[in-house]
Amino acid sequence: MDDEEAVFRMTRAVLDASGYRVLTARNGAEAVDLCARHPEPIDLVVMDLVMPVMDGSSAIRALRDRQVTAKIIAVSGISAPAGHEDDGRHMAFLQKPSSPQILLTTLQKELHHFLCPIPIDH
């Protein structure tokens, strides 16, 4: 979710090209509505913190109120939120601008942690 057109298009293109299924929203209210209507669980949300209509922090709280358990990667051109936490849960943060590689590395790290929280020894 991002309200900046160039960032929105770049993020979508990078994630699509990397094989991820992507849902998009232009503001927090649209993202909350989209997540509420989506029939399958959403694993991860990439969310700009500064947007019109409903900012990212408010959208994150609304998602949690609706029991959405997705991991969050908060993105902002301003400083990171204090503590990088979302209701006591870890929340990744990316400073804008960031490269597609940094986005993908962060996404993979968060999804891996979410899907495989215990290391597997071979």
PDB file of N, CA and C in Angstrom:
ATOM      1  N   MET A   1       0.842  -1.154   0.000  1.00  0.00           N
ATOM      2  CA  MET A   1       0.000   0.000   0.000  1.00  0.00           C
ATOM      3  C   MET A   1       0.895   1.227   0.000  1.00  0.00           C
ATOM      4  N   ASP A   2       0.649   2.091  -0.969  1.00  0.00           N
ATOM      5  CA  ASP A   2       1.409   3.337  -1.051  1.00  0.00           C
ATOM      6  C   ASP A   2       0.628   4.321  -1.889  1.00  0.00           C
ATOM      7  N   ASP A   3       0.679   5.591  -1.520  1.00  0.00           N
ATOM      8  CA  ASP A   3      -0.036   6.614  -2.285  1.00  0.00           C
ATOM      9  C   ASP A   3       0.847   7.284  -3.328  1.00  0.00           C
ATOM     10  N   GLU A   4       2.162   7.019  -3.310  1.00  0.00           N
ATOM     11  CA  GLU A   4       3.060   7.581  -4.321  1.00  0.00           C
ATOM     12  C   GLU A   4       3.059   6.668  -5.539  1.00  0.00           C
ATOM     13  N   GLU A   5       2.629   7.192  -6.675  1.00  0.00           N
ATOM     14  CA  GLU A   5       2.443   6.385  -7.884  1.00  0.00           C
ATOM     15  C   GLU A   5       3.705   5.624  -8.301  1.00  0.00           C
ATOM     16  N   ALA A   6       4.846   6.275  -8.310  1.00  0.00           N
ATOM     17  CA  ALA A   6       6.084   5.612  -8.750  1.00  0.00           C
ATOM     18  C   ALA A   6       6.454   4.469  -7.801  1.00  0.00           C
ATOM     19  N   VAL A   7       6.345   4.688  -6.510  1.00  0.00           N
ATOM     20  CA  VAL A   7       6.661   3.655  -5.520  1.00  0.00           C
ATOM     21  C   VAL A   7       5.647   2.516  -5.632  1.00  0.00           C
ATOM     22  N   PHE A   8       4.388   2.869  -5.787  1.00  0.00           N
ATOM     23  CA  PHE A   8       3.313   1.894  -5.932  1.00  0.00           C
ATOM     24  C   PHE A   8       3.588   0.967  -7.116  1.00  0.00           C
ATOM     25  N   ARG A   9       3.899   1.550  -8.278  1.00  0.00           N
ATOM     26  CA  ARG A   9       4.136   0.750  -9.483  1.00  0.00           C
ATOM     27  C   ARG A   9       5.406  -0.095  -9.369  1.00  0.00           C
ATOM     28  N   MET A  10       6.483   0.495  -8.827  1.00  0.00           N
ATOM     29  CA  MET A  10       7.737  -0.236  -8.692  1.00  0.00           C
ATOM     30  C   MET A  10       7.573  -1.418  -7.739  1.00  0.00           C
ATOM     31  N   THR A  11       6.946  -1.194  -6.609  1.00  0.00           N
ATOM     32  CA  THR A  11       6.760  -2.269  -5.636  1.00  0.00           C
ATOM     33  C   THR A  11       5.936  -3.399  -6.236  1.00  0.00           C
ATOM     34  N   ARG A  12       4.853  -3.050  -6.894  1.00  0.00           N
ATOM     35  CA  ARG A  12       3.997  -4.061  -7.527  1.00  0.00           C
ATOM     36  C   ARG A  12       4.785  -4.853  -8.571  1.00  0.00           C
ATOM     37  N   ALA A  13       5.540  -4.175  -9.419  1.00  0.00           N
ATOM     38  CA  ALA A  13       6.306  -4.837 -10.478  1.00  0.00           C
ATOM     39  C   ALA A  13       7.364  -5.784  -9.896  1.00  0.00           C
ATOM     40  N   VAL A  14       8.074  -5.338  -8.866  1.00  0.00           N
ATOM     41  CA  VAL A  14       9.114  -6.162  -8.241  1.00  0.00           C
ATOM     42  C   VAL A  14       8.497  -7.412  -7.623  1.00  0.00           C
ATOM     43  N   LEU A  15       7.402  -7.249  -6.907  1.00  0.00           N
ATOM     44  CA  LEU A  15       6.777  -8.402  -6.248  1.00  0.00           C
ATOM     45  C   LEU A  15       6.154  -9.359  -7.257  1.00  0.00           C
ATOM     46  N   ASP A  16       5.491  -8.816  -8.283  1.00  0.00           N
ATOM     47  CA  ASP A  16       4.926  -9.667  -9.340  1.00  0.00           C
ATOM     48  C   ASP A  16       6.032 -10.464 -10.035  1.00  0.00           C
ATOM     49  N   ALA A  17       7.121  -9.795 -10.393  1.00  0.00           N
ATOM     50  CA  ALA A  17       8.224 -10.442 -11.107  1.00  0.00           C
ATOM     51  C   ALA A  17       8.910 -11.505 -10.245  1.00  0.00           C
ATOM     52  N   SER A  18       8.784 -11.382  -8.937  1.00  0.00           N
ATOM     53  CA  SER A  18       9.400 -12.335  -8.023  1.00  0.00           C
ATOM     54  C   SER A  18       8.463 -13.487  -7.661  1.00  0.00           C
ATOM     55  N   GLY A  19       7.270 -13.493  -8.261  1.00  0.00           N
ATOM     56  CA  GLY A  19       6.351 -14.605  -8.074  1.00  0.00           C
ATOM     57  C   GLY A  19       5.387 -14.490  -6.911  1.00  0.00           C
ATOM     58  N   TYR A  20       5.315 -13.332  -6.291  1.00  0.00           N
ATOM     59  CA  TYR A  20       4.373 -13.152  -5.183  1.00  0.00           C
ATOM     60  C   TYR A  20       2.986 -12.793  -5.714  1.00  0.00           C
ATOM     61  N   ARG A  21       1.956 -13.254  -5.023  1.00  0.00           N
ATOM     62  CA  ARG A  21       0.589 -12.823  -5.334  1.00  0.00           C
ATOM     63  C   ARG A  21       0.385 -11.501  -4.605  1.00  0.00           C
ATOM     64  N   VAL A  22      -0.031 -10.473  -5.331  1.00  0.00           N
ATOM     65  CA  VAL A  22      -0.058  -9.123  -4.793  1.00  0.00           C
ATOM     66  C   VAL A  22      -1.458  -8.539  -4.856  1.00  0.00           C
ATOM     67  N   LEU A  23      -1.895  -7.959  -3.748  1.00  0.00           N
ATOM     68  CA  LEU A  23      -3.110  -7.146  -3.681  1.00  0.00           C
ATOM     69  C   LEU A  23      -2.631  -5.723  -3.435  1.00  0.00           C
ATOM     70  N   THR A  24      -3.262  -4.750  -4.065  1.00  0.00           N
ATOM     71  CA  THR A  24      -2.798  -3.373  -3.913  1.00  0.00           C
ATOM     72  C   THR A  24      -3.884  -2.461  -3.386  1.00  0.00           C
ATOM     73  N   ALA A  25      -3.441  -1.436  -2.659  1.00  0.00           N
ATOM     74  CA  ALA A  25      -4.334  -0.408  -2.127  1.00  0.00           C
ATOM     75  C   ALA A  25      -3.595   0.923  -2.181  1.00  0.00           C
ATOM     76  N   ARG A  26      -4.356   2.001  -2.330  1.00  0.00           N
ATOM     77  CA  ARG A  26      -3.764   3.343  -2.441  1.00  0.00           C
ATOM     78  C   ARG A  26      -3.763   4.126  -1.135  1.00  0.00           C
ATOM     79  N   ASN A  27      -4.466   3.624  -0.119  1.00  0.00           N
ATOM     80  CA  ASN A  27      -4.474   4.293   1.179  1.00  0.00           C
ATOM     81  C   ASN A  27      -4.870   3.283   2.247  1.00  0.00           C
ATOM     82  N   GLY A  28      -4.778   3.685   3.499  1.00  0.00           N
ATOM     83  CA  GLY A  28      -5.056   2.767   4.597  1.00  0.00           C
ATOM     84  C   GLY A  28      -6.469   2.245   4.629  1.00  0.00           C
ATOM     85  N   ALA A  29      -7.443   3.108   4.376  1.00  0.00           N
ATOM     86  CA  ALA A  29      -8.844   2.682   4.397  1.00  0.00           C
ATOM     87  C   ALA A  29      -9.106   1.622   3.324  1.00  0.00           C
ATOM     88  N   GLU A  30      -8.544   1.826   2.145  1.00  0.00           N
ATOM     89  CA  GLU A  30      -8.698   0.857   1.062  1.00  0.00           C
ATOM     90  C   GLU A  30      -8.026  -0.470   1.427  1.00  0.00           C
ATOM     91  N   ALA A  31      -6.878  -0.412   2.069  1.00  0.00           N
ATOM     92  CA  ALA A  31      -6.159  -1.626   2.471  1.00  0.00           C
ATOM     93  C   ALA A  31      -6.949  -2.415   3.514  1.00  0.00           C
ATOM     94  N   VAL A  32      -7.491  -1.720   4.489  1.00  0.00           N
ATOM     95  CA  VAL A  32      -8.279  -2.393   5.534  1.00  0.00           C
ATOM     96  C   VAL A  32      -9.498  -3.063   4.912  1.00  0.00           C
ATOM     97  N   ASP A  33     -10.181  -2.360   4.024  1.00  0.00           N
ATOM     98  CA  ASP A  33     -11.351  -2.922   3.343  1.00  0.00           C
ATOM     99  C   ASP A  33     -10.964  -4.131   2.501  1.00  0.00           C
ATOM    100  N   LEU A  34      -9.883  -4.023   1.766  1.00  0.00           N
ATOM    101  CA  LEU A  34      -9.415  -5.113   0.909  1.00  0.00           C
ATOM    102  C   LEU A  34      -9.077  -6.350   1.741  1.00  0.00           C
ATOM    103  N   CYS A  35      -8.362  -6.171   2.848  1.00  0.00           N
ATOM    104  CA  CYS A  35      -8.010  -7.294   3.710  1.00  0.00           C
ATOM    105  C   CYS A  35      -9.250  -7.933   4.326  1.00  0.00           C
ATOM    106  N   ALA A  36     -10.223  -7.118   4.699  1.00  0.00           N
ATOM    107  CA  ALA A  36     -11.460  -7.636   5.294  1.00  0.00           C
ATOM    108  C   ALA A  36     -12.260  -8.461   4.293  1.00  0.00           C
ATOM    109  N   ARG A  37     -12.236  -8.076   3.036  1.00  0.00           N
ATOM    110  CA  ARG A  37     -13.008  -8.771   2.005  1.00  0.00           C
ATOM    111  C   ARG A  37     -12.275  -9.951   1.389  1.00  0.00           C
ATOM    112  N   HIS A  38     -10.966 -10.038   1.579  1.00  0.00           N
ATOM    113  CA  HIS A  38     -10.184 -11.092   0.935  1.00  0.00           C
ATOM    114  C   HIS A  38     -10.458 -12.428   1.618  1.00  0.00           C
ATOM    115  N   PRO A  39     -10.821 -13.461   0.839  1.00  0.00           N
ATOM    116  CA  PRO A  39     -11.228 -14.734   1.447  1.00  0.00           C
ATOM    117  C   PRO A  39     -10.081 -15.566   2.031  1.00  0.00           C
ATOM    118  N   GLU A  40      -8.859 -15.361   1.576  1.00  0.00           N
ATOM    119  CA  GLU A  40      -7.716 -16.141   2.051  1.00  0.00           C
ATOM    120  C   GLU A  40      -6.882 -15.314   3.023  1.00  0.00           C
ATOM    121  N   PRO A  41      -6.159 -15.980   3.925  1.00  0.00           N
ATOM    122  CA  PRO A  41      -5.278 -15.232   4.836  1.00  0.00           C
ATOM    123  C   PRO A  41      -4.211 -14.469   4.045  1.00  0.00           C
ATOM    124  N   ILE A  42      -3.849 -13.316   4.541  1.00  0.00           N
ATOM    125  CA  ILE A  42      -2.795 -12.496   3.942  1.00  0.00           C
ATOM    126  C   ILE A  42      -1.567 -12.656   4.825  1.00  0.00           C
ATOM    127  N   ASP A  43      -0.448 -13.060   4.212  1.00  0.00           N
ATOM    128  CA  ASP A  43       0.758 -13.350   4.986  1.00  0.00           C
ATOM    129  C   ASP A  43       1.542 -12.111   5.390  1.00  0.00           C
ATOM    130  N   LEU A  44       1.555 -11.087   4.518  1.00  0.00           N
ATOM    131  CA  LEU A  44       2.407  -9.943   4.769  1.00  0.00           C
ATOM    132  C   LEU A  44       1.819  -8.694   4.121  1.00  0.00           C
ATOM    133  N   VAL A  45       1.950  -7.569   4.814  1.00  0.00           N
ATOM    134  CA  VAL A  45       1.489  -6.281   4.302  1.00  0.00           C
ATOM    135  C   VAL A  45       2.680  -5.331   4.264  1.00  0.00           C
ATOM    136  N   VAL A  46       2.906  -4.720   3.101  1.00  0.00           N
ATOM    137  CA  VAL A  46       3.915  -3.664   2.961  1.00  0.00           C
ATOM    138  C   VAL A  46       3.128  -2.365   2.962  1.00  0.00           C
ATOM    139  N   MET A  47       3.359  -1.519   3.976  1.00  0.00           N
ATOM    140  CA  MET A  47       2.498  -0.366   4.178  1.00  0.00           C
ATOM    141  C   MET A  47       3.275   0.919   4.419  1.00  0.00           C
ATOM    142  N   ASP A  48       2.993   1.916   3.579  1.00  0.00           N
ATOM    143  CA  ASP A  48       3.530   3.253   3.802  1.00  0.00           C
ATOM    144  C   ASP A  48       2.875   3.805   5.062  1.00  0.00           C
ATOM    145  N   LEU A  49       3.641   4.502   5.888  1.00  0.00           N
ATOM    146  CA  LEU A  49       3.087   5.045   7.128  1.00  0.00           C
ATOM    147  C   LEU A  49       2.451   6.416   6.958  1.00  0.00           C
ATOM    148  N   VAL A  50       2.864   7.167   5.938  1.00  0.00           N
ATOM    149  CA  VAL A  50       2.354   8.520   5.757  1.00  0.00           C
ATOM    150  C   VAL A  50       1.538   8.576   4.473  1.00  0.00           C
ATOM    151  N   MET A  51       0.211   8.666   4.632  1.00  0.00           N
ATOM    152  CA  MET A  51      -0.705   8.695   3.480  1.00  0.00           C
ATOM    153  C   MET A  51      -1.951   9.497   3.832  1.00  0.00           C
ATOM    154  N   PRO A  52      -2.651   9.938   2.791  1.00  0.00           N
ATOM    155  CA  PRO A  52      -3.935  10.604   3.040  1.00  0.00           C
ATOM    156  C   PRO A  52      -5.022   9.561   3.345  1.00  0.00           C
ATOM    157  N   VAL A  53      -6.171  10.005   3.729  1.00  0.00           N
ATOM    158  CA  VAL A  53      -7.380   9.226   4.039  1.00  0.00           C
ATOM    159  C   VAL A  53      -7.222   8.472   5.358  1.00  0.00           C
ATOM    160  N   MET A  54      -6.312   7.500   5.438  1.00  0.00           N
ATOM    161  CA  MET A  54      -6.001   6.792   6.680  1.00  0.00           C
ATOM    162  C   MET A  54      -4.518   6.460   6.635  1.00  0.00           C
ATOM    163  N   ASP A  55      -3.770   6.965   7.606  1.00  0.00           N
ATOM    164  CA  ASP A  55      -2.327   6.712   7.587  1.00  0.00           C
ATOM    165  C   ASP A  55      -2.022   5.250   7.923  1.00  0.00           C
ATOM    166  N   GLY A  56      -0.776   4.860   7.700  1.00  0.00           N
ATOM    167  CA  GLY A  56      -0.378   3.478   7.897  1.00  0.00           C
ATOM    168  C   GLY A  56      -0.533   2.985   9.326  1.00  0.00           C
ATOM    169  N   SER A  57      -0.200   3.813  10.301  1.00  0.00           N
ATOM    170  CA  SER A  57      -0.334   3.403  11.703  1.00  0.00           C
ATOM    171  C   SER A  57      -1.789   3.122  12.059  1.00  0.00           C
ATOM    172  N   SER A  58      -2.684   3.972  11.601  1.00  0.00           N
ATOM    173  CA  SER A  58      -4.120   3.748  11.844  1.00  0.00           C
ATOM    174  C   SER A  58      -4.610   2.502  11.126  1.00  0.00           C
ATOM    175  N   ALA A  59      -4.113   2.281   9.916  1.00  0.00           N
ATOM    176  CA  ALA A  59      -4.505   1.095   9.148  1.00  0.00           C
ATOM    177  C   ALA A  59      -4.012  -0.173   9.846  1.00  0.00           C
ATOM    178  N   ILE A  60      -2.796  -0.147  10.375  1.00  0.00           N
ATOM    179  CA  ILE A  60      -2.267  -1.312  11.091  1.00  0.00           C
ATOM    180  C   ILE A  60      -3.149  -1.623  12.304  1.00  0.00           C
ATOM    181  N   ARG A  61      -3.513  -0.596  13.065  1.00  0.00           N
ATOM    182  CA  ARG A  61      -4.399  -0.815  14.219  1.00  0.00           C
ATOM    183  C   ARG A  61      -5.746  -1.385  13.777  1.00  0.00           C
ATOM    184  N   ALA A  62      -6.298  -0.868  12.682  1.00  0.00           N
ATOM    185  CA  ALA A  62      -7.585  -1.367  12.180  1.00  0.00           C
ATOM    186  C   ALA A  62      -7.469  -2.820  11.723  1.00  0.00           C
ATOM    187  N   LEU A  63      -6.366  -3.177  11.073  1.00  0.00           N
ATOM    188  CA  LEU A  63      -6.166  -4.569  10.665  1.00  0.00           C
ATOM    189  C   LEU A  63      -6.099  -5.483  11.881  1.00  0.00           C
ATOM    190  N   ARG A  64      -5.382  -5.067  12.909  1.00  0.00           N
ATOM    191  CA  ARG A  64      -5.267  -5.876  14.126  1.00  0.00           C
ATOM    192  C   ARG A  64      -6.624  -5.991  14.827  1.00  0.00           C
ATOM    193  N   ASP A  65      -7.409  -4.913  14.824  1.00  0.00           N
ATOM    194  CA  ASP A  65      -8.755  -4.955  15.408  1.00  0.00           C
ATOM    195  C   ASP A  65      -9.637  -5.979  14.707  1.00  0.00           C
ATOM    196  N   ARG A  66      -9.349  -6.223  13.428  1.00  0.00           N
ATOM    197  CA  ARG A  66     -10.120  -7.186  12.628  1.00  0.00           C
ATOM    198  C   ARG A  66      -9.445  -8.555  12.604  1.00  0.00           C
ATOM    199  N   GLN A  67      -8.490  -8.749  13.502  1.00  0.00           N
ATOM    200  CA  GLN A  67      -7.804 -10.030  13.663  1.00  0.00           C
ATOM    201  C   GLN A  67      -6.963 -10.450  12.452  1.00  0.00           C
ATOM    202  N   VAL A  68      -6.521  -9.495  11.645  1.00  0.00           N
ATOM    203  CA  VAL A  68      -5.607  -9.808  10.544  1.00  0.00           C
ATOM    204  C   VAL A  68      -4.232 -10.034  11.172  1.00  0.00           C
ATOM    205  N   THR A  69      -3.651 -11.204  10.933  1.00  0.00           N
ATOM    206  CA  THR A  69      -2.400 -11.586  11.595  1.00  0.00           C
ATOM    207  C   THR A  69      -1.179 -11.451  10.687  1.00  0.00           C
ATOM    208  N   ALA A  70      -1.322 -10.778   9.577  1.00  0.00           N
ATOM    209  CA  ALA A  70      -0.222 -10.629   8.621  1.00  0.00           C
ATOM    210  C   ALA A  70       0.981  -9.948   9.263  1.00  0.00           C
ATOM    211  N   LYS A  71       2.169 -10.344   8.809  1.00  0.00           N
ATOM    212  CA  LYS A  71       3.383  -9.620   9.165  1.00  0.00           C
ATOM    213  C   LYS A  71       3.295  -8.247   8.511  1.00  0.00           C
ATOM    214  N   ILE A  72       3.958  -7.272   9.099  1.00  0.00           N
ATOM    215  CA  ILE A  72       3.931  -5.905   8.581  1.00  0.00           C
ATOM    216  C   ILE A  72       5.345  -5.452   8.259  1.00  0.00           C
ATOM    217  N   ILE A  73       5.507  -4.874   7.065  1.00  0.00           N
ATOM    218  CA  ILE A  73       6.714  -4.133   6.732  1.00  0.00           C
ATOM    219  C   ILE A  73       6.256  -2.695   6.540  1.00  0.00           C
ATOM    220  N   ALA A  74       6.609  -1.845   7.496  1.00  0.00           N
ATOM    221  CA  ALA A  74       6.265  -0.431   7.426  1.00  0.00           C
ATOM    222  C   ALA A  74       7.321   0.282   6.587  1.00  0.00           C
ATOM    223  N   VAL A  75       6.869   1.212   5.755  1.00  0.00           N
ATOM    224  CA  VAL A  75       7.754   1.949   4.859  1.00  0.00           C
ATOM    225  C   VAL A  75       7.491   3.434   5.043  1.00  0.00           C
ATOM    226  N   SER A  76       8.570   4.226   5.129  1.00  0.00           N
ATOM    227  CA  SER A  76       8.380   5.661   5.278  1.00  0.00           C
ATOM    228  C   SER A  76       9.628   6.421   4.851  1.00  0.00           C
ATOM    229  N   GLY A  77       9.410   7.618   4.375  1.00  0.00           N
ATOM    230  CA  GLY A  77      10.502   8.523   4.059  1.00  0.00           C
ATOM    231  C   GLY A  77      10.964   9.281   5.282  1.00  0.00           C
ATOM    232  N   ILE A  78      10.219   9.173   6.377  1.00  0.00           N
ATOM    233  CA  ILE A  78      10.628   9.795   7.639  1.00  0.00           C
ATOM    234  C   ILE A  78      11.190   8.717   8.546  1.00  0.00           C
ATOM    235  N   SER A  79      11.520   9.051   9.765  1.00  0.00           N
ATOM    236  CA  SER A  79      12.186   8.090  10.647  1.00  0.00           C
ATOM    237  C   SER A  79      11.297   6.909  11.004  1.00  0.00           C
ATOM    238  N   ALA A  80      11.930   5.852  11.459  1.00  0.00           N
ATOM    239  CA  ALA A  80      11.228   4.626  11.844  1.00  0.00           C
ATOM    240  C   ALA A  80      10.328   4.878  13.044  1.00  0.00           C
ATOM    241  N   PRO A  81       9.213   4.148  13.116  1.00  0.00           N
ATOM    242  CA  PRO A  81       8.355   4.269  14.292  1.00  0.00           C
ATOM    243  C   PRO A  81       9.095   3.775  15.535  1.00  0.00           C
ATOM    244  N   ALA A  82       8.801   4.375  16.669  1.00  0.00           N
ATOM    245  CA  ALA A  82       9.476   4.008  17.909  1.00  0.00           C
ATOM    246  C   ALA A  82       9.300   2.527  18.208  1.00  0.00           C
ATOM    247  N   GLY A  83      10.414   1.835  18.402  1.00  0.00           N
ATOM    248  CA  GLY A  83      10.377   0.442  18.816  1.00  0.00           C
ATOM    249  C   GLY A  83      10.068  -0.562  17.730  1.00  0.00           C
ATOM    250  N   HIS A  84       9.696  -0.130  16.548  1.00  0.00           N
ATOM    251  CA  HIS A  84       9.341  -1.051  15.460  1.00  0.00           C
ATOM    252  C   HIS A  84       8.369  -2.116  15.926  1.00  0.00           C
ATOM    253  N   GLU A  85       7.390  -1.749  16.705  1.00  0.00           N
ATOM    254  CA  GLU A  85       6.446  -2.738  17.188  1.00  0.00           C
ATOM    255  C   GLU A  85       5.035  -2.362  16.826  1.00  0.00           C
ATOM    256  N   ASP A  86       4.217  -3.374  16.693  1.00  0.00           N
ATOM    257  CA  ASP A  86       2.813  -3.252  16.351  1.00  0.00           C
ATOM    258  C   ASP A  86       2.079  -4.064  17.399  1.00  0.00           C
ATOM    259  N   ASP A  87       1.502  -3.399  18.389  1.00  0.00           N
ATOM    260  CA  ASP A  87       0.820  -4.082  19.491  1.00  0.00           C
ATOM    261  C   ASP A  87       1.713  -5.139  20.141  1.00  0.00           C
ATOM    262  N   GLY A  88       2.984  -4.793  20.352  1.00  0.00           N
ATOM    263  CA  GLY A  88       3.908  -5.707  20.989  1.00  0.00           C
ATOM    264  C   GLY A  88       4.555  -6.704  20.053  1.00  0.00           C
ATOM    265  N   ARG A  89       4.155  -6.714  18.801  1.00  0.00           N
ATOM    266  CA  ARG A  89       4.732  -7.635  17.823  1.00  0.00           C
ATOM    267  C   ARG A  89       5.813  -6.917  17.025  1.00  0.00           C
ATOM    268  N   HIS A  90       6.835  -7.662  16.625  1.00  0.00           N
ATOM    269  CA  HIS A  90       7.891  -7.112  15.783  1.00  0.00           C
ATOM    270  C   HIS A  90       7.291  -6.611  14.474  1.00  0.00           C
ATOM    271  N   MET A  91       7.779  -5.470  14.013  1.00  0.00           N
ATOM    272  CA  MET A  91       7.353  -4.929  12.723  1.00  0.00           C
ATOM    273  C   MET A  91       8.606  -4.459  11.995  1.00  0.00           C
ATOM    274  N   ALA A  92       8.834  -4.990  10.803  1.00  0.00           N
ATOM    275  CA  ALA A  92      10.002  -4.578  10.016  1.00  0.00           C
ATOM    276  C   ALA A  92       9.787  -3.162   9.500  1.00  0.00           C
ATOM    277  N   PHE A  93      10.880  -2.461   9.245  1.00  0.00           N
ATOM    278  CA  PHE A  93      10.796  -1.095   8.745  1.00  0.00           C
ATOM    279  C   PHE A  93      11.782  -0.905   7.603  1.00  0.00           C
ATOM    280  N   LEU A  94      11.314  -0.268   6.531  1.00  0.00           N
ATOM    281  CA  LEU A  94      12.165   0.120   5.410  1.00  0.00           C
ATOM    282  C   LEU A  94      12.111   1.632   5.256  1.00  0.00           C
ATOM    283  N   GLN A  95      13.283   2.234   5.196  1.00  0.00           N
ATOM    284  CA  GLN A  95      13.379   3.671   4.961  1.00  0.00           C
ATOM    285  C   GLN A  95      13.286   3.932   3.460  1.00  0.00           C
ATOM    286  N   LYS A  96      12.432   4.881   3.046  1.00  0.00           N
ATOM    287  CA  LYS A  96      12.377   5.276   1.634  1.00  0.00           C
ATOM    288  C   LYS A  96      13.521   6.238   1.360  1.00  0.00           C
ATOM    289  N   PRO A  97      14.084   6.212   0.199  1.00  0.00           N
ATOM    290  CA  PRO A  97      13.878   5.190  -0.823  1.00  0.00           C
ATOM    291  C   PRO A  97      14.693   3.955  -0.493  1.00  0.00           C
ATOM    292  N   SER A  98      14.193   2.800  -0.911  1.00  0.00           N
ATOM    293  CA  SER A  98      14.962   1.567  -0.755  1.00  0.00           C
ATOM    294  C   SER A  98      14.974   0.850  -2.101  1.00  0.00           C
ATOM    295  N   SER A  99      15.960   0.029  -2.288  1.00  0.00           N
ATOM    296  CA  SER A  99      16.103  -0.665  -3.567  1.00  0.00           C
ATOM    297  C   SER A  99      15.169  -1.870  -3.624  1.00  0.00           C
ATOM    298  N   PRO A 100      14.870  -2.342  -4.828  1.00  0.00           N
ATOM    299  CA  PRO A 100      14.070  -3.562  -4.955  1.00  0.00           C
ATOM    300  C   PRO A 100      14.718  -4.740  -4.213  1.00  0.00           C
ATOM    301  N   GLN A 101      16.046  -4.828  -4.236  1.00  0.00           N
ATOM    302  CA  GLN A 101      16.722  -5.940  -3.550  1.00  0.00           C
ATOM    303  C   GLN A 101      16.512  -5.868  -2.047  1.00  0.00           C
ATOM    304  N   ILE A 102      16.578  -4.675  -1.475  1.00  0.00           N
ATOM    305  CA  ILE A 102      16.351  -4.530  -0.033  1.00  0.00           C
ATOM    306  C   ILE A 102      14.908  -4.906   0.303  1.00  0.00           C
ATOM    307  N   LEU A 103      13.959  -4.479  -0.525  1.00  0.00           N
ATOM    308  CA  LEU A 103      12.558  -4.850  -0.323  1.00  0.00           C
ATOM    309  C   LEU A 103      12.405  -6.368  -0.321  1.00  0.00           C
ATOM    310  N   LEU A 104      12.955  -7.038  -1.335  1.00  0.00           N
ATOM    311  CA  LEU A 104      12.819  -8.488  -1.439  1.00  0.00           C
ATOM    312  C   LEU A 104      13.515  -9.221  -0.297  1.00  0.00           C
ATOM    313  N   THR A 105      14.691  -8.752   0.095  1.00  0.00           N
ATOM    314  CA  THR A 105      15.412  -9.369   1.204  1.00  0.00           C
ATOM    315  C   THR A 105      14.610  -9.249   2.495  1.00  0.00           C
ATOM    316  N   THR A 106      14.060  -8.078   2.748  1.00  0.00           N
ATOM    317  CA  THR A 106      13.257  -7.865   3.953  1.00  0.00           C
ATOM    318  C   THR A 106      12.003  -8.724   3.913  1.00  0.00           C
ATOM    319  N   LEU A 107      11.347  -8.765   2.773  1.00  0.00           N
ATOM    320  CA  LEU A 107      10.133  -9.561   2.616  1.00  0.00           C
ATOM    321  C   LEU A 107      10.431 -11.042   2.861  1.00  0.00           C
ATOM    322  N   GLN A 108      11.488 -11.550   2.262  1.00  0.00           N
ATOM    323  CA  GLN A 108      11.840 -12.961   2.431  1.00  0.00           C
ATOM    324  C   GLN A 108      12.182 -13.273   3.888  1.00  0.00           C
ATOM    325  N   LYS A 109      12.896 -12.363   4.527  1.00  0.00           N
ATOM    326  CA  LYS A 109      13.245 -12.555   5.939  1.00  0.00           C
ATOM    327  C   LYS A 109      11.991 -12.608   6.801  1.00  0.00           C
ATOM    328  N   GLU A 110      11.069 -11.692   6.573  1.00  0.00           N
ATOM    329  CA  GLU A 110       9.837 -11.657   7.364  1.00  0.00           C
ATOM    330  C   GLU A 110       8.962 -12.872   7.099  1.00  0.00           C
ATOM    331  N   LEU A 111       8.823 -13.262   5.856  1.00  0.00           N
ATOM    332  CA  LEU A 111       8.007 -14.436   5.536  1.00  0.00           C
ATOM    333  C   LEU A 111       8.649 -15.711   6.073  1.00  0.00           C
ATOM    334  N   HIS A 112       9.961 -15.820   5.966  1.00  0.00           N
ATOM    335  CA  HIS A 112      10.642 -17.008   6.470  1.00  0.00           C
ATOM    336  C   HIS A 112      10.450 -17.113   7.979  1.00  0.00           C
ATOM    337  N   HIS A 113      10.594 -16.002   8.659  1.00  0.00           N
ATOM    338  CA  HIS A 113      10.407 -15.976  10.116  1.00  0.00           C
ATOM    339  C   HIS A 113       8.983 -16.361  10.460  1.00  0.00           C
ATOM    340  N   PHE A 114       8.028 -15.892   9.662  1.00  0.00           N
ATOM    341  CA  PHE A 114       6.609 -16.160   9.884  1.00  0.00           C
ATOM    342  C   PHE A 114       6.290 -17.631   9.635  1.00  0.00           C
ATOM    343  N   LEU A 115       6.838 -18.198   8.562  1.00  0.00           N
ATOM    344  CA  LEU A 115       6.491 -19.561   8.176  1.00  0.00           C
ATOM    345  C   LEU A 115       7.356 -20.616   8.867  1.00  0.00           C
ATOM    346  N   CYS A 116       8.587 -20.256   9.231  1.00  0.00           N
ATOM    347  CA  CYS A 116       9.518 -21.217   9.837  1.00  0.00           C
ATOM    348  C   CYS A 116      10.188 -20.593  11.057  1.00  0.00           C
ATOM    349  N   PRO A 117       9.459 -20.386  12.141  1.00  0.00           N
ATOM    350  CA  PRO A 117      10.054 -19.700  13.285  1.00  0.00           C
ATOM    351  C   PRO A 117      11.108 -20.522  14.030  1.00  0.00           C
ATOM    352  N   ILE A 118      11.166 -21.850  13.820  1.00  0.00           N
ATOM    353  CA  ILE A 118      12.131 -22.688  14.495  1.00  0.00           C
ATOM    354  C   ILE A 118      13.128 -23.219  13.471  1.00  0.00           C
ATOM    355  N   PRO A 119      14.416 -22.987  13.681  1.00  0.00           N
ATOM    356  CA  PRO A 119      15.408 -23.489  12.710  1.00  0.00           C
ATOM    357  C   PRO A 119      15.343 -25.005  12.599  1.00  0.00           C
ATOM    358  N   ILE A 120      15.546 -25.497  11.400  1.00  0.00           N
ATOM    359  CA  ILE A 120      15.536 -26.937  11.155  1.00  0.00           C
ATOM    360  C   ILE A 120      16.967 -27.369  10.911  1.00  0.00           C
ATOM    361  N   ASP A 121      17.474 -28.306  11.729  1.00  0.00           N
ATOM    362  CA  ASP A 121      18.828 -28.834  11.563  1.00  0.00           C
ATOM    363  C   ASP A 121      18.781 -30.015  10.609  1.00  0.00           C
ATOM    364  N   HIS A 122      19.795 -30.111   9.759  1.00  0.00           N
ATOM    365  CA  HIS A 122      19.875 -31.225   8.810  1.00  0.00           C
ATOM    366  C   HIS A 122      20.828 -32.262   9.295  1.00  0.00           C
TER     367      HIS A 122
END
